[in-house]
PDB file of N, CA and C in Angstrom:
ATOM      1  N   UNK A   1     112.402  97.929  59.202  1.00  0.00           N
ATOM      2  CA  UNK A   1     112.941  98.256  57.893  1.00  0.00           C
ATOM      3  C   UNK A   1     111.907  99.050  57.104  1.00  0.00           C
ATOM      4  N   UNK A   2     112.291 100.201  56.617  1.00  0.00           N
ATOM      5  CA  UNK A   2     111.386 101.008  55.802  1.00  0.00           C
ATOM      6  C   UNK A   2     111.695 100.768  54.329  1.00  0.00           C
ATOM      7  N   UNK A   3     110.672 100.680  53.561  1.00  0.00           N
ATOM      8  CA  UNK A   3     110.844 100.477  52.132  1.00  0.00           C
ATOM      9  C   UNK A   3     110.930 101.814  51.417  1.00  0.00           C
ATOM     10  N   UNK A   4     111.708 101.866  50.391  1.00  0.00           N
ATOM     11  CA  UNK A   4     111.856 103.094  49.609  1.00  0.00           C
ATOM     12  C   UNK A   4     110.513 103.542  49.028  1.00  0.00           C
ATOM     13  N   UNK A   5     109.689 102.608  48.602  1.00  0.00           N
ATOM     14  CA  UNK A   5     108.382 102.950  48.041  1.00  0.00           C
ATOM     15  C   UNK A   5     107.518 103.674  49.067  1.00  0.00           C
ATOM     16  N   UNK A   6     107.508 103.201  50.295  1.00  0.00           N
ATOM     17  CA  UNK A   6     106.732 103.857  51.351  1.00  0.00           C
ATOM     18  C   UNK A   6     107.249 105.268  51.583  1.00  0.00           C
ATOM     19  N   UNK A   7     108.563 105.454  51.578  1.00  0.00           N
ATOM     20  CA  UNK A   7     109.133 106.795  51.731  1.00  0.00           C
ATOM     21  C   UNK A   7     108.678 107.724  50.614  1.00  0.00           C
ATOM     22  N   UNK A   8     108.613 107.219  49.387  1.00  0.00           N
ATOM     23  CA  UNK A   8     108.143 108.033  48.258  1.00  0.00           C
ATOM     24  C   UNK A   8     106.684 108.433  48.447  1.00  0.00           C
ATOM     25  N   UNK A   9     105.849 107.500  48.839  1.00  0.00           N
ATOM     26  CA  UNK A   9     104.444 107.821  49.098  1.00  0.00           C
ATOM     27  C   UNK A   9     104.313 108.837  50.230  1.00  0.00           C
ATOM     28  N   UNK A  10     105.088 108.659  51.295  1.00  0.00           N
ATOM     29  CA  UNK A  10     105.013 109.579  52.440  1.00  0.00           C
ATOM     30  C   UNK A  10     105.356 111.014  52.039  1.00  0.00           C
ATOM     31  N   UNK A  11     106.205 111.190  51.050  1.00  0.00           N
ATOM     32  CA  UNK A  11     106.566 112.547  50.606  1.00  0.00           C
ATOM     33  C   UNK A  11     105.488 113.195  49.743  1.00  0.00           C
ATOM     34  N   UNK A  12     104.762 112.398  48.972  1.00  0.00           N
ATOM     35  CA  UNK A  12     103.821 112.949  48.001  1.00  0.00           C
ATOM     36  C   UNK A  12     102.358 112.867  48.423  1.00  0.00           C
ATOM     37  N   UNK A  13     102.016 111.983  49.320  1.00  0.00           N
ATOM     38  CA  UNK A  13     100.641 111.735  49.710  1.00  0.00           C
ATOM     39  C   UNK A  13     100.491 111.890  51.220  1.00  0.00           C
ATOM     40  N   UNK A  14      99.263 111.860  51.688  1.00  0.00           N
ATOM     41  CA  UNK A  14      98.983 111.903  53.119  1.00  0.00           C
ATOM     42  C   UNK A  14      98.653 110.494  53.586  1.00  0.00           C
ATOM     43  N   UNK A  15      99.456 109.985  54.505  1.00  0.00           N
ATOM     44  CA  UNK A  15      99.166 108.668  55.076  1.00  0.00           C
ATOM     45  C   UNK A  15      98.210 108.881  56.246  1.00  0.00           C
ATOM     46  N   UNK A  16      97.071 108.204  56.208  1.00  0.00           N
ATOM     47  CA  UNK A  16      96.099 108.345  57.283  1.00  0.00           C
ATOM     48  C   UNK A  16      96.549 107.540  58.495  1.00  0.00           C
ATOM     49  N   UNK A  17      96.501 108.147  59.668  1.00  0.00           N
ATOM     50  CA  UNK A  17      96.923 107.428  60.875  1.00  0.00           C
ATOM     51  C   UNK A  17      95.924 106.335  61.230  1.00  0.00           C
ATOM     52  N   UNK A  18      96.441 105.246  61.742  1.00  0.00           N
ATOM     53  CA  UNK A  18      95.576 104.156  62.189  1.00  0.00           C
ATOM     54  C   UNK A  18      95.216 104.385  63.651  1.00  0.00           C
ATOM     55  N   UNK A  19      93.945 104.201  63.954  1.00  0.00           N
ATOM     56  CA  UNK A  19      93.470 104.299  65.332  1.00  0.00           C
ATOM     57  C   UNK A  19      93.171 102.884  65.822  1.00  0.00           C
ATOM     58  N   UNK A  20      93.038 102.727  67.092  1.00  0.00           N
ATOM     59  CA  UNK A  20      92.714 101.416  67.641  1.00  0.00           C
ATOM     60  C   UNK A  20      93.898 100.800  68.340  1.00  0.00           C
ATOM     61  N   UNK A  21      93.760  99.515  68.622  1.00  0.00           N
ATOM     62  CA  UNK A  21      94.767  98.810  69.410  1.00  0.00           C
ATOM     63  C   UNK A  21      96.140  98.760  68.766  1.00  0.00           C
ATOM     64  N   UNK A  22      96.203  98.405  67.495  1.00  0.00           N
ATOM     65  CA  UNK A  22      97.493  98.179  66.865  1.00  0.00           C
ATOM     66  C   UNK A  22      97.425  98.482  65.367  1.00  0.00           C
ATOM     67  N   UNK A  23      98.486  99.055  64.785  1.00  0.00           N
ATOM     68  CA  UNK A  23      98.533  99.286  63.343  1.00  0.00           C
ATOM     69  C   UNK A  23      99.017  98.062  62.557  1.00  0.00           C
ATOM     70  N   UNK A  24      99.393  96.984  63.252  1.00  0.00           N
ATOM     71  CA  UNK A  24      99.976  95.813  62.602  1.00  0.00           C
ATOM     72  C   UNK A  24      98.921  95.035  61.819  1.00  0.00           C
ATOM     73  N   UNK A  25      99.310  94.524  60.631  1.00  0.00           N
ATOM     74  CA  UNK A  25      98.338  93.870  59.750  1.00  0.00           C
ATOM     75  C   UNK A  25      98.766  92.507  59.219  1.00  0.00           C
ATOM     76  N   UNK A  26      99.999  92.091  59.435  1.00  0.00           N
ATOM     77  CA  UNK A  26     100.481  90.848  58.818  1.00  0.00           C
ATOM     78  C   UNK A  26     101.374  90.082  59.773  1.00  0.00           C
ATOM     79  N   UNK A  27     101.218  88.760  59.812  1.00  0.00           N
ATOM     80  CA  UNK A  27     100.151  87.928  59.238  1.00  0.00           C
ATOM     81  C   UNK A  27      98.871  88.052  60.060  1.00  0.00           C
ATOM     82  N   UNK A  28      97.768  87.724  59.458  1.00  0.00           N
ATOM     83  CA  UNK A  28      96.474  87.989  60.089  1.00  0.00           C
ATOM     84  C   UNK A  28      96.233  87.268  61.426  1.00  0.00           C
ATOM     85  N   UNK A  29      96.684  86.020  61.611  1.00  0.00           N
ATOM     86  CA  UNK A  29      96.390  85.392  62.905  1.00  0.00           C
ATOM     87  C   UNK A  29      97.041  86.122  64.089  1.00  0.00           C
ATOM     88  N   UNK A  30      98.284  86.527  63.955  1.00  0.00           N
ATOM     89  CA  UNK A  30      99.027  87.232  65.013  1.00  0.00           C
ATOM     90  C   UNK A  30      99.943  88.251  64.343  1.00  0.00           C
ATOM     91  N   UNK A  31      99.455  89.433  64.009  1.00  0.00           N
ATOM     92  CA  UNK A  31     100.262  90.401  63.262  1.00  0.00           C
ATOM     93  C   UNK A  31     101.514  90.861  64.012  1.00  0.00           C
ATOM     94  N   UNK A  32     102.614  90.930  63.266  1.00  0.00           N
ATOM     95  CA  UNK A  32     103.880  91.419  63.809  1.00  0.00           C
ATOM     96  C   UNK A  32     104.489  92.515  62.930  1.00  0.00           C
ATOM     97  N   UNK A  33     103.858  92.792  61.766  1.00  0.00           N
ATOM     98  CA  UNK A  33     104.379  93.801  60.844  1.00  0.00           C
ATOM     99  C   UNK A  33     103.259  94.714  60.361  1.00  0.00           C
ATOM    100  N   UNK A  34     103.590  95.966  60.141  1.00  0.00           N
ATOM    101  CA  UNK A  34     102.660  96.921  59.533  1.00  0.00           C
ATOM    102  C   UNK A  34     103.037  97.047  58.061  1.00  0.00           C
ATOM    103  N   UNK A  35     102.240  96.423  57.198  1.00  0.00           N
ATOM    104  CA  UNK A  35     102.564  96.468  55.774  1.00  0.00           C
ATOM    105  C   UNK A  35     101.387  96.951  54.923  1.00  0.00           C
ATOM    106  N   UNK A  36     100.307  97.383  55.549  1.00  0.00           N
ATOM    107  CA  UNK A  36      99.142  97.886  54.820  1.00  0.00           C
ATOM    108  C   UNK A  36      98.856  99.311  55.279  1.00  0.00           C
ATOM    109  N   UNK A  37      98.672 100.200  54.315  1.00  0.00           N
ATOM    110  CA  UNK A  37      98.487 101.614  54.611  1.00  0.00           C
ATOM    111  C   UNK A  37      97.365 102.188  53.755  1.00  0.00           C
ATOM    112  N   UNK A  38      96.778 103.281  54.208  1.00  0.00           N
ATOM    113  CA  UNK A  38      95.802 104.026  53.424  1.00  0.00           C
ATOM    114  C   UNK A  38      96.408 105.405  53.163  1.00  0.00           C
ATOM    115  N   UNK A  39      96.478 105.774  51.900  1.00  0.00           N
ATOM    116  CA  UNK A  39      96.973 107.088  51.498  1.00  0.00           C
ATOM    117  C   UNK A  39      95.873 107.838  50.769  1.00  0.00           C
ATOM    118  N   UNK A  40      95.899 109.155  50.878  1.00  0.00           N
ATOM    119  CA  UNK A  40      94.944 109.997  50.161  1.00  0.00           C
ATOM    120  C   UNK A  40      95.707 111.197  49.617  1.00  0.00           C
ATOM    121  N   UNK A  41      95.187 111.743  48.540  1.00  0.00           N
ATOM    122  CA  UNK A  41      95.819 112.912  47.937  1.00  0.00           C
ATOM    123  C   UNK A  41      94.729 113.821  47.406  1.00  0.00           C
ATOM    124  N   UNK A  42      94.744 115.063  47.848  1.00  0.00           N
ATOM    125  CA  UNK A  42      93.761 116.028  47.386  1.00  0.00           C
ATOM    126  C   UNK A  42      94.398 117.017  46.426  1.00  0.00           C
ATOM    127  N   UNK A  43      93.573 117.683  45.647  1.00  0.00           N
ATOM    128  CA  UNK A  43      94.104 118.659  44.707  1.00  0.00           C
ATOM    129  C   UNK A  43      94.120 120.056  45.305  1.00  0.00           C
ATOM    130  N   UNK A  44      93.026 120.480  45.927  1.00  0.00           N
ATOM    131  CA  UNK A  44      92.967 121.825  46.482  1.00  0.00           C
ATOM    132  C   UNK A  44      93.179 121.836  47.998  1.00  0.00           C
ATOM    133  N   UNK A  45      92.714 120.802  48.669  1.00  0.00           N
ATOM    134  CA  UNK A  45      92.817 120.726  50.125  1.00  0.00           C
ATOM    135  C   UNK A  45      93.511 119.436  50.536  1.00  0.00           C
ATOM    136  N   UNK A  46      94.183 119.504  51.648  1.00  0.00           N
ATOM    137  CA  UNK A  46      94.831 118.309  52.181  1.00  0.00           C
ATOM    138  C   UNK A  46      93.771 117.412  52.811  1.00  0.00           C
ATOM    139  N   UNK A  47      93.732 116.136  52.441  1.00  0.00           N
ATOM    140  CA  UNK A  47      92.733 115.237  53.014  1.00  0.00           C
ATOM    141  C   UNK A  47      93.022 114.952  54.487  1.00  0.00           C
ATOM    142  N   UNK A  48      91.970 114.694  55.222  1.00  0.00           N
ATOM    143  CA  UNK A  48      92.103 114.269  56.614  1.00  0.00           C
ATOM    144  C   UNK A  48      91.300 112.991  56.782  1.00  0.00           C
ATOM    145  N   UNK A  49      91.553 112.293  57.827  1.00  0.00           N
ATOM    146  CA  UNK A  49      90.801 111.074  58.077  1.00  0.00           C
ATOM    147  C   UNK A  49      91.546 110.162  58.999  1.00  0.00           C
ATOM    148  N   UNK A  50      91.062 108.941  59.051  1.00  0.00           N
ATOM    149  CA  UNK A  50      91.679 107.945  59.905  1.00  0.00           C
ATOM    150  C   UNK A  50      91.449 106.573  59.311  1.00  0.00           C
ATOM    151  N   UNK A  51      92.307 105.663  59.673  1.00  0.00           N
ATOM    152  CA  UNK A  51      92.194 104.282  59.226  1.00  0.00           C
ATOM    153  C   UNK A  51      92.127 103.387  60.457  1.00  0.00           C
ATOM    154  N   UNK A  52      91.602 102.201  60.258  1.00  0.00           N
ATOM    155  CA  UNK A  52      91.468 101.267  61.373  1.00  0.00           C
ATOM    156  C   UNK A  52      91.698  99.847  60.874  1.00  0.00           C
ATOM    157  N   UNK A  53      92.464  99.090  61.615  1.00  0.00           N
ATOM    158  CA  UNK A  53      92.687  97.681  61.310  1.00  0.00           C
ATOM    159  C   UNK A  53      91.540  96.882  61.915  1.00  0.00           C
ATOM    160  N   UNK A  54      90.943  96.021  61.098  1.00  0.00           N
ATOM    161  CA  UNK A  54      89.819  95.197  61.532  1.00  0.00           C
ATOM    162  C   UNK A  54      90.351  93.844  62.024  1.00  0.00           C
ATOM    163  N   UNK A  55      89.862  93.398  63.157  1.00  0.00           N
ATOM    164  CA  UNK A  55      90.303  92.129  63.740  1.00  0.00           C
ATOM    165  C   UNK A  55      89.636  90.964  63.019  1.00  0.00           C
ATOM    166  N   UNK A  56      90.088  90.714  61.800  1.00  0.00           N
ATOM    167  CA  UNK A  56      89.601  89.592  60.975  1.00  0.00           C
ATOM    168  C   UNK A  56      90.801  88.704  60.689  1.00  0.00           C
ATOM    169  N   UNK A  57      90.758  87.471  61.168  1.00  0.00           N
ATOM    170  CA  UNK A  57      91.918  86.590  61.102  1.00  0.00           C
ATOM    171  C   UNK A  57      91.830  85.497  60.038  1.00  0.00           C
ATOM    172  N   UNK A  58      90.669  85.360  59.367  1.00  0.00           N
ATOM    173  CA  UNK A  58      90.467  84.217  58.490  1.00  0.00           C
ATOM    174  C   UNK A  58      90.378  84.587  57.009  1.00  0.00           C
ATOM    175  N   UNK A  59      89.822  85.720  56.669  1.00  0.00           N
ATOM    176  CA  UNK A  59      89.509  86.059  55.278  1.00  0.00           C
ATOM    177  C   UNK A  59      90.739  86.224  54.384  1.00  0.00           C
ATOM    178  N   UNK A  60      91.874  86.591  54.958  1.00  0.00           N
ATOM    179  CA  UNK A  60      93.069  86.867  54.161  1.00  0.00           C
ATOM    180  C   UNK A  60      94.308  86.640  55.012  1.00  0.00           C
ATOM    181  N   UNK A  61      95.473  86.701  54.378  1.00  0.00           N
ATOM    182  CA  UNK A  61      96.719  86.629  55.142  1.00  0.00           C
ATOM    183  C   UNK A  61      97.081  87.981  55.758  1.00  0.00           C
ATOM    184  N   UNK A  62      96.342  89.039  55.386  1.00  0.00           N
ATOM    185  CA  UNK A  62      96.482  90.377  55.980  1.00  0.00           C
ATOM    186  C   UNK A  62      95.181  90.715  56.691  1.00  0.00           C
ATOM    187  N   UNK A  63      95.264  91.520  57.739  1.00  0.00           N
ATOM    188  CA  UNK A  63      94.036  92.044  58.340  1.00  0.00           C
ATOM    189  C   UNK A  63      93.562  93.226  57.500  1.00  0.00           C
ATOM    190  N   UNK A  64      92.248  93.361  57.294  1.00  0.00           N
ATOM    191  CA  UNK A  64      91.751  94.466  56.488  1.00  0.00           C
ATOM    192  C   UNK A  64      91.915  95.816  57.195  1.00  0.00           C
ATOM    193  N   UNK A  65      92.082  96.849  56.379  1.00  0.00           N
ATOM    194  CA  UNK A  65      92.180  98.219  56.873  1.00  0.00           C
ATOM    195  C   UNK A  65      91.085  99.028  56.191  1.00  0.00           C
ATOM    196  N   UNK A  66      90.281  99.747  56.978  1.00  0.00           N
ATOM    197  CA  UNK A  66      89.241 100.601  56.413  1.00  0.00           C
ATOM    198  C   UNK A  66      89.551 102.044  56.778  1.00  0.00           C
ATOM    199  N   UNK A  67      88.981 102.975  56.012  1.00  0.00           N
ATOM    200  CA  UNK A  67      89.289 104.379  56.257  1.00  0.00           C
ATOM    201  C   UNK A  67      88.081 105.271  56.037  1.00  0.00           C
ATOM    202  N   UNK A  68      88.089 106.377  56.751  1.00  0.00           N
ATOM    203  CA  UNK A  68      87.147 107.473  56.533  1.00  0.00           C
ATOM    204  C   UNK A  68      87.986 108.661  56.116  1.00  0.00           C
ATOM    205  N   UNK A  69      87.656 109.248  54.976  1.00  0.00           N
ATOM    206  CA  UNK A  69      88.467 110.350  54.421  1.00  0.00           C
ATOM    207  C   UNK A  69      87.571 111.553  54.157  1.00  0.00           C
ATOM    208  N   UNK A  70      88.059 112.733  54.493  1.00  0.00           N
ATOM    209  CA  UNK A  70      87.338 113.980  54.205  1.00  0.00           C
ATOM    210  C   UNK A  70      88.308 114.966  53.550  1.00  0.00           C
ATOM    211  N   UNK A  71      87.757 115.785  52.627  1.00  0.00           N
ATOM    212  CA  UNK A  71      88.554 116.825  52.007  1.00  0.00           C
ATOM    213  C   UNK A  71      88.007 118.173  52.408  1.00  0.00           C
TER     214      UNK A  71
END
């Protein structure tokens, strides 16, 4: 199921692709859903980069996502 809010962000911003084993982030012990994203928006240039889900199962109910972004 896609959310309308995600569709709006996808039209206006750049969603950074997730690299690694899986893009799934929720719930943290055994993720079955992708509900965390990294978006970037540049003014003169389109941002590029990548995101990665960190295999952390205890700190939160979501797995953390980190990103490297370049303009």
